[in-house]
Amino acid sequence: MAIETLKKGATVSQRLSRLVPSVHRALREAEVQHERRRAEERRRQTYEQLRALSVHLQYVREEERIHIAREVHDELASRSRD
């Protein structure tokens, strides 16, 4: 915006009065973009952590099922021998 103002032949005082708000707006927009990128990265990391946790939980459940099945099998086998 500042460059466009200069191209249109604004006076020095007009250029300066418009330059400061333009720079502030550009800085705010850059900060917003940066925050969006950081938020997206945090969201992606959280998603990956949840996915890994879900996989681990499924593994633990399956291991527990196997353990219980073996205990039941061993218990039934020992009763049938008695």
Protein backbone atom coordinates (compact mmCIF):
# COMPACT_ATOMS: atom_id res chain seq x y z
CA MET A 1 0.00 0.00 0.00
CA ALA A 2 2.85 2.36 0.85
CA ILE A 3 4.50 1.73 -2.52
CA GLU A 4 1.23 2.33 -4.34
CA THR A 5 0.82 5.62 -2.50
CA LEU A 6 4.30 6.69 -3.54
CA LYS A 7 3.60 5.75 -7.16
CA LYS A 8 0.47 7.87 -7.14
CA GLY A 9 2.58 10.92 -6.26
CA ALA A 10 1.58 11.53 -2.68
CA THR A 11 3.41 14.28 -0.85
CA VAL A 12 6.07 13.46 1.73
CA SER A 13 3.76 14.17 4.66
CA GLN A 14 1.00 12.07 3.09
CA ARG A 15 3.43 9.24 2.44
CA LEU A 16 4.71 9.26 6.01
CA SER A 17 1.25 9.44 7.52
CA ARG A 18 0.18 6.40 5.48
CA LEU A 19 3.44 4.52 5.83
CA VAL A 20 3.25 3.92 9.58
CA PRO A 21 -0.26 2.41 9.56
CA SER A 22 0.67 0.32 6.51
CA VAL A 23 3.73 -1.06 8.26
CA HIS A 24 1.74 -1.78 11.42
CA ARG A 25 -0.94 -3.58 9.44
CA ALA A 26 1.67 -5.63 7.56
CA LEU A 27 3.33 -6.59 10.84
CA ARG A 28 -0.01 -7.63 12.35
CA GLU A 29 -0.84 -9.71 9.28
CA ALA A 30 2.57 -11.39 9.40
CA GLU A 31 2.07 -12.17 13.08
CA VAL A 32 -1.37 -13.66 12.41
CA GLN A 33 0.06 -15.84 9.66
CA HIS A 34 2.87 -16.96 11.94
CA GLU A 35 0.40 -17.84 14.71
CA ARG A 36 -1.75 -19.78 12.24
CA ARG A 37 1.27 -21.80 11.12
CA ARG A 38 2.22 -22.51 14.75
CA ALA A 39 -1.34 -23.53 15.62
CA GLU A 40 -1.48 -25.84 12.59
CA GLU A 41 1.82 -27.44 13.60
CA ARG A 42 0.56 -27.94 17.18
CA ARG A 43 -2.64 -29.47 15.81
CA ARG A 44 -0.65 -31.84 13.61
CA GLN A 45 1.59 -32.87 16.50
CA THR A 46 -1.40 -33.45 18.76
CA TYR A 47 -3.07 -35.56 16.07
CA GLU A 48 0.08 -37.67 15.70
CA GLN A 49 0.33 -38.13 19.47
CA LEU A 50 -3.31 -39.22 19.67
CA ARG A 51 -2.85 -41.60 16.77
CA ALA A 52 0.22 -43.15 18.42
CA LEU A 53 -1.65 -43.43 21.71
CA SER A 54 -4.56 -45.13 19.97
CA VAL A 55 -2.23 -47.66 18.34
CA HIS A 56 -0.55 -48.34 21.67
CA LEU A 57 -3.88 -48.74 23.44
CA GLN A 58 -5.04 -51.24 20.83
CA TYR A 59 -1.79 -53.19 21.29
CA VAL A 60 -2.19 -53.23 25.09
CA ARG A 61 -5.81 -54.42 24.78
CA GLU A 62 -4.79 -57.25 22.46
CA GLU A 63 -1.96 -58.29 24.76
CA GLU A 64 -4.38 -58.32 27.71
CA ARG A 65 -6.86 -60.45 25.73
CA ILE A 66 -4.09 -62.93 24.91
CA HIS A 67 -2.99 -63.02 28.55
CA ILE A 68 -6.54 -63.65 29.79
CA ALA A 69 -7.13 -66.33 27.16
CA ARG A 70 -3.96 -68.14 28.24
CA GLU A 71 -4.97 -67.96 31.91
CA VAL A 72 -8.42 -69.35 31.14
CA HIS A 73 -6.92 -72.08 28.97
CA ASP A 74 -4.37 -73.05 31.63
CA GLU A 75 -7.04 -73.05 34.34
CA LEU A 76 -9.37 -75.24 32.30
CA ALA A 77 -6.51 -77.59 31.39
CA SER A 78 -5.47 -77.98 35.04
CA ARG A 79 -9.07 -78.73 36.11
CA SER A 80 -9.45 -81.36 33.42
CA ARG A 81 -6.29 -83.12 34.69
CA ASP A 82 -7.61 -83.22 38.24
